[in-house]
C-alpha cells in the first residue's frame, strides 16, 4: 500500500510537498523510527530494497509535476502520471537491488534474476494500484476543493498570515 500513498502524495500535495512528504518518511526511518518493512535506522541504506524508497521520493515529485501542469486534470491524467511513477520506482528499485546484491552483499546474481524478483512479482498489483490511485485522486481533489480544506497551489505562509 506504500505506493498508493506515494501517488496520492504527488497528486494531492503537488510536486514540492509530495516529495517533502516522502523525504519525511524516509528520513524518519533512517533516524530509527520503525516505519520501513524491516524496521529503521541509518543502516537501512544498505538494504537491497532501499532503492524503492528512493524511487518513492522521485515518483512523488514526478506525479505531482505531471498533474500540476493541468488546472483541471482528469482521471486519465492522474493514471498516466502514476504509471510514469511506477516506472520510476521500479527503475530505481531494481537498479539498487542489483547493485546491492552484486556489491556489498556479495551475492552474484544476473539482471534477469533481479528483474524477476524485483519487478515481475510486484508489477501487476502496482499497475492496479496506479489506476485505483488515479481514480481516488480525482475524487479526493473534488472533495478537498468543495470543502476548501487546502489548495496545493497556495503556500502555507499565505494561509497562515
C-alpha atoms as a PDB file:
ATOM      1  CA  UNK A   1       0.000   0.000   0.000  1.00  0.00           C
ATOM      2  CA  UNK A   2       3.033   2.306   0.230  1.00  0.00           C
ATOM      3  CA  UNK A   3       2.866   3.030  -3.459  1.00  0.00           C
ATOM      4  CA  UNK A   4      -0.762   4.195  -3.152  1.00  0.00           C
ATOM      5  CA  UNK A   5       0.261   6.883  -0.695  1.00  0.00           C
ATOM      6  CA  UNK A   6       3.217   7.906  -2.853  1.00  0.00           C
ATOM      7  CA  UNK A   7       0.840   8.552  -5.745  1.00  0.00           C
ATOM      8  CA  UNK A   8      -1.713  10.329  -3.578  1.00  0.00           C
ATOM      9  CA  UNK A   9       1.035  12.498  -2.083  1.00  0.00           C
ATOM     10  CA  UNK A  10       2.124  13.638  -5.529  1.00  0.00           C
ATOM     11  CA  UNK A  11      -1.411  14.010  -6.862  1.00  0.00           C
ATOM     12  CA  UNK A  12      -2.887  15.867  -3.897  1.00  0.00           C
ATOM     13  CA  UNK A  13       0.072  17.740  -2.454  1.00  0.00           C
ATOM     14  CA  UNK A  14       1.856  18.627  -5.682  1.00  0.00           C
ATOM     15  CA  UNK A  15       5.459  18.050  -6.642  1.00  0.00           C
ATOM     16  CA  UNK A  16       7.166  20.023  -3.892  1.00  0.00           C
ATOM     17  CA  UNK A  17       5.043  18.956  -0.950  1.00  0.00           C
ATOM     18  CA  UNK A  18       4.696  15.444  -2.319  1.00  0.00           C
ATOM     19  CA  UNK A  19       8.461  14.972  -2.350  1.00  0.00           C
ATOM     20  CA  UNK A  20       8.704  16.598   1.080  1.00  0.00           C
ATOM     21  CA  UNK A  21       6.216  14.098   2.483  1.00  0.00           C
ATOM     22  CA  UNK A  22       8.294  11.219   1.142  1.00  0.00           C
ATOM     23  CA  UNK A  23      11.518  12.729   2.486  1.00  0.00           C
ATOM     24  CA  UNK A  24       9.930  12.982   5.938  1.00  0.00           C
ATOM     25  CA  UNK A  25       9.019   9.299   5.664  1.00  0.00           C
ATOM     26  CA  UNK A  26      12.496   8.220   4.506  1.00  0.00           C
ATOM     27  CA  UNK A  27      14.409  10.372   6.993  1.00  0.00           C
ATOM     28  CA  UNK A  28      12.134   9.270   9.844  1.00  0.00           C
ATOM     29  CA  UNK A  29      13.016   5.697   9.048  1.00  0.00           C
ATOM     30  CA  UNK A  30      16.706   6.455   8.686  1.00  0.00           C
ATOM     31  CA  UNK A  31      16.608   8.256  12.044  1.00  0.00           C
ATOM     32  CA  UNK A  32      15.497   4.996  13.631  1.00  0.00           C
ATOM     33  CA  UNK A  33      11.713   5.026  13.645  1.00  0.00           C
ATOM     34  CA  UNK A  34      10.475   1.560  12.589  1.00  0.00           C
ATOM     35  CA  UNK A  35       8.480   2.750   9.586  1.00  0.00           C
ATOM     36  CA  UNK A  36      10.143   0.580   6.946  1.00  0.00           C
ATOM     37  CA  UNK A  37       9.208  -3.023   6.225  1.00  0.00           C
ATOM     38  CA  UNK A  38      12.235  -4.326   8.119  1.00  0.00           C
ATOM     39  CA  UNK A  39      12.477  -1.643  10.812  1.00  0.00           C
ATOM     40  CA  UNK A  40      14.545   1.506  10.525  1.00  0.00           C
ATOM     41  CA  UNK A  41      17.921   3.070  11.165  1.00  0.00           C
ATOM     42  CA  UNK A  42      20.715   4.510   9.074  1.00  0.00           C
ATOM     43  CA  UNK A  43      21.893   1.017   8.158  1.00  0.00           C
ATOM     44  CA  UNK A  44      18.746   0.650   6.063  1.00  0.00           C
ATOM     45  CA  UNK A  45      20.562   2.325   3.160  1.00  0.00           C
ATOM     46  CA  UNK A  46      22.434  -0.969   2.813  1.00  0.00           C
ATOM     47  CA  UNK A  47      19.217  -2.970   2.499  1.00  0.00           C
ATOM     48  CA  UNK A  48      18.686  -4.167  -1.074  1.00  0.00           C
ATOM     49  CA  UNK A  49      15.191  -2.629  -1.123  1.00  0.00           C
ATOM     50  CA  UNK A  50      16.300   0.909  -0.223  1.00  0.00           C
ATOM     51  CA  UNK A  51      16.208   1.844  -3.910  1.00  0.00           C
ATOM     52  CA  UNK A  52      12.441   1.593  -3.876  1.00  0.00           C
ATOM     53  CA  UNK A  53      12.360   4.278  -1.156  1.00  0.00           C
ATOM     54  CA  UNK A  54      14.491   6.494  -3.381  1.00  0.00           C
ATOM     55  CA  UNK A  55      12.035   5.742  -6.171  1.00  0.00           C
ATOM     56  CA  UNK A  56       9.099   6.735  -3.943  1.00  0.00           C
ATOM     57  CA  UNK A  57      10.594  10.182  -3.467  1.00  0.00           C
ATOM     58  CA  UNK A  58      11.306  10.670  -7.162  1.00  0.00           C
ATOM     59  CA  UNK A  59       7.894   9.306  -8.164  1.00  0.00           C
ATOM     60  CA  UNK A  60       6.017  11.638  -5.793  1.00  0.00           C
ATOM     61  CA  UNK A  61       7.808  14.569  -7.408  1.00  0.00           C
ATOM     62  CA  UNK A  62       7.125  13.456 -10.979  1.00  0.00           C
ATOM     63  CA  UNK A  63       3.481  12.539 -10.315  1.00  0.00           C
ATOM     64  CA  UNK A  64       2.986  15.925  -8.685  1.00  0.00           C
ATOM     65  CA  UNK A  65       4.725  17.778 -11.507  1.00  0.00           C
ATOM     66  CA  UNK A  66       2.730  15.990 -14.187  1.00  0.00           C
ATOM     67  CA  UNK A  67      -0.616  16.681 -12.518  1.00  0.00           C
ATOM     68  CA  UNK A  68       0.269  20.301 -11.688  1.00  0.00           C
ATOM     69  CA  UNK A  69       0.558  21.120 -15.373  1.00  0.00           C
ATOM     70  CA  UNK A  70      -3.202  20.950 -15.767  1.00  0.00           C
ATOM     71  CA  UNK A  71      -5.545  23.269 -13.904  1.00  0.00           C
ATOM     72  CA  UNK A  72      -8.294  20.687 -14.083  1.00  0.00           C
ATOM     73  CA  UNK A  73      -6.682  17.258 -14.528  1.00  0.00           C
ATOM     74  CA  UNK A  74      -8.871  14.334 -15.479  1.00  0.00           C
ATOM     75  CA  UNK A  75      -8.646  10.753 -14.210  1.00  0.00           C
ATOM     76  CA  UNK A  76      -6.547   9.701 -17.203  1.00  0.00           C
ATOM     77  CA  UNK A  77      -4.012  12.423 -16.335  1.00  0.00           C
ATOM     78  CA  UNK A  78      -3.607  11.024 -12.823  1.00  0.00           C
ATOM     79  CA  UNK A  79      -3.425   7.454 -14.075  1.00  0.00           C
ATOM     80  CA  UNK A  80      -0.792   8.353 -16.689  1.00  0.00           C
ATOM     81  CA  UNK A  81       1.258  10.197 -14.067  1.00  0.00           C
ATOM     82  CA  UNK A  82       1.006   7.198 -11.738  1.00  0.00           C
ATOM     83  CA  UNK A  83       2.162   4.840 -14.479  1.00  0.00           C
ATOM     84  CA  UNK A  84       5.211   7.020 -15.032  1.00  0.00           C
ATOM     85  CA  UNK A  85       5.676   6.959 -11.254  1.00  0.00           C
ATOM     86  CA  UNK A  86       5.594   3.145 -11.259  1.00  0.00           C
ATOM     87  CA  UNK A  87       8.296   3.105 -13.924  1.00  0.00           C
ATOM     88  CA  UNK A  88      10.468   5.443 -11.845  1.00  0.00           C
ATOM     89  CA  UNK A  89      10.011   3.375  -8.690  1.00  0.00           C
ATOM     90  CA  UNK A  90      10.931   0.156 -10.441  1.00  0.00           C
ATOM     91  CA  UNK A  91      13.906   1.628 -12.300  1.00  0.00           C
ATOM     92  CA  UNK A  92      15.340   2.955  -9.025  1.00  0.00           C
ATOM     93  CA  UNK A  93      14.382  -0.120  -7.009  1.00  0.00           C
ATOM     94  CA  UNK A  94      15.573  -2.821  -9.385  1.00  0.00           C
ATOM     95  CA  UNK A  95      18.809  -0.977 -10.167  1.00  0.00           C
ATOM     96  CA  UNK A  96      19.600  -0.562  -6.470  1.00  0.00           C
ATOM     97  CA  UNK A  97      18.659  -4.177  -5.794  1.00  0.00           C
ATOM     98  CA  UNK A  98      21.093  -5.364  -8.470  1.00  0.00           C
ATOM     99  CA  UNK A  99      23.843  -3.100  -7.141  1.00  0.00           C
ATOM    100  CA  UNK A 100      23.279  -4.146  -3.519  1.00  0.00           C
ATOM    101  CA  UNK A 101      23.251  -7.859  -4.255  1.00  0.00           C
ATOM    102  CA  UNK A 102      26.294  -7.805  -6.506  1.00  0.00           C
ATOM    103  CA  UNK A 103      28.475  -5.455  -4.460  1.00  0.00           C
ATOM    104  CA  UNK A 104      28.211  -5.065  -0.698  1.00  0.00           C
ATOM    105  CA  UNK A 105      26.061  -8.150  -0.144  1.00  0.00           C
ATOM    106  CA  UNK A 106      28.380 -10.314  -2.222  1.00  0.00           C
ATOM    107  CA  UNK A 107      25.579 -12.298  -3.874  1.00  0.00           C
ATOM    108  CA  UNK A 108      26.372 -12.614  -7.546  1.00  0.00           C
ATOM    109  CA  UNK A 109      23.157 -12.542  -9.485  1.00  0.00           C
ATOM    110  CA  UNK A 110      22.054 -11.767 -13.019  1.00  0.00           C
ATOM    111  CA  UNK A 111      19.868  -8.931 -14.239  1.00  0.00           C
ATOM    112  CA  UNK A 112      17.236 -11.452 -15.277  1.00  0.00           C
ATOM    113  CA  UNK A 113      17.013 -12.830 -11.732  1.00  0.00           C
ATOM    114  CA  UNK A 114      16.845  -9.343 -10.218  1.00  0.00           C
ATOM    115  CA  UNK A 115      14.169  -8.289 -12.707  1.00  0.00           C
ATOM    116  CA  UNK A 116      12.163 -11.398 -11.852  1.00  0.00           C
ATOM    117  CA  UNK A 117      12.397 -10.852  -8.097  1.00  0.00           C
ATOM    118  CA  UNK A 118      12.273  -7.048  -8.048  1.00  0.00           C
ATOM    119  CA  UNK A 119       9.877  -6.321 -10.901  1.00  0.00           C
ATOM    120  CA  UNK A 120       7.814  -9.215 -12.255  1.00  0.00           C
ATOM    121  CA  UNK A 121       6.493 -10.373  -8.887  1.00  0.00           C
ATOM    122  CA  UNK A 122       5.144  -6.948  -7.927  1.00  0.00           C
ATOM    123  CA  UNK A 123       4.282  -5.045 -11.091  1.00  0.00           C
ATOM    124  CA  UNK A 124       0.780  -6.492 -11.585  1.00  0.00           C
ATOM    125  CA  UNK A 125      -0.516  -5.271  -8.260  1.00  0.00           C
ATOM    126  CA  UNK A 126       1.233  -1.935  -8.619  1.00  0.00           C
ATOM    127  CA  UNK A 127      -0.384  -1.312 -12.001  1.00  0.00           C
ATOM    128  CA  UNK A 128      -3.787  -1.924 -10.414  1.00  0.00           C
ATOM    129  CA  UNK A 129      -2.866   0.431  -7.569  1.00  0.00           C
ATOM    130  CA  UNK A 130      -1.803   3.055 -10.144  1.00  0.00           C
ATOM    131  CA  UNK A 131      -5.251   3.044 -11.699  1.00  0.00           C
ATOM    132  CA  UNK A 132      -7.004   2.972  -8.317  1.00  0.00           C
ATOM    133  CA  UNK A 133      -4.876   5.863  -7.045  1.00  0.00           C
ATOM    134  CA  UNK A 134      -5.697   7.879 -10.158  1.00  0.00           C
ATOM    135  CA  UNK A 135      -9.405   7.359  -9.644  1.00  0.00           C
ATOM    136  CA  UNK A 136      -9.109   8.136  -5.934  1.00  0.00           C
ATOM    137  CA  UNK A 137      -7.083  11.287  -6.622  1.00  0.00           C
ATOM    138  CA  UNK A 138      -9.694  12.807  -8.910  1.00  0.00           C
ATOM    139  CA  UNK A 139     -12.438  12.160  -6.358  1.00  0.00           C
ATOM    140  CA  UNK A 140     -10.374  13.361  -3.387  1.00  0.00           C
ATOM    141  CA  UNK A 141      -9.398  16.548  -5.217  1.00  0.00           C
ATOM    142  CA  UNK A 142     -13.073  17.334  -5.781  1.00  0.00           C
ATOM    143  CA  UNK A 143     -13.868  16.736  -2.108  1.00  0.00           C
ATOM    144  CA  UNK A 144     -10.930  18.854  -0.989  1.00  0.00           C
ATOM    145  CA  UNK A 145     -11.844  21.672  -3.375  1.00  0.00           C
ATOM    146  CA  UNK A 146     -15.518  21.589  -2.358  1.00  0.00           C
ATOM    147  CA  UNK A 147     -14.658  21.791   1.317  1.00  0.00           C
ATOM    148  CA  UNK A 148     -11.747  24.136   0.755  1.00  0.00           C
ATOM    149  CA  UNK A 149      -9.574  22.001   3.027  1.00  0.00           C
ATOM    150  CA  UNK A 150      -6.397  23.083   1.289  1.00  0.00           C
ATOM    151  CA  UNK A 151      -5.190  24.135  -2.104  1.00  0.00           C
ATOM    152  CA  UNK A 152      -1.928  22.604  -3.347  1.00  0.00           C
ATOM    153  CA  UNK A 153      -1.125  25.813  -5.256  1.00  0.00           C
ATOM    154  CA  UNK A 154      -1.294  28.074  -2.170  1.00  0.00           C
ATOM    155  CA  UNK A 155       1.781  28.261   0.017  1.00  0.00           C
ATOM    156  CA  UNK A 156       1.452  27.552   3.750  1.00  0.00           C
ATOM    157  CA  UNK A 157       2.637  31.094   4.597  1.00  0.00           C
ATOM    158  CA  UNK A 158      -0.215  32.536   2.541  1.00  0.00           C
ATOM    159  CA  UNK A 159      -2.758  30.573   4.568  1.00  0.00           C
ATOM    160  CA  UNK A 160      -1.243  31.380   7.961  1.00  0.00           C
ATOM    161  CA  UNK A 161      -0.775  35.092   7.677  1.00  0.00           C
END
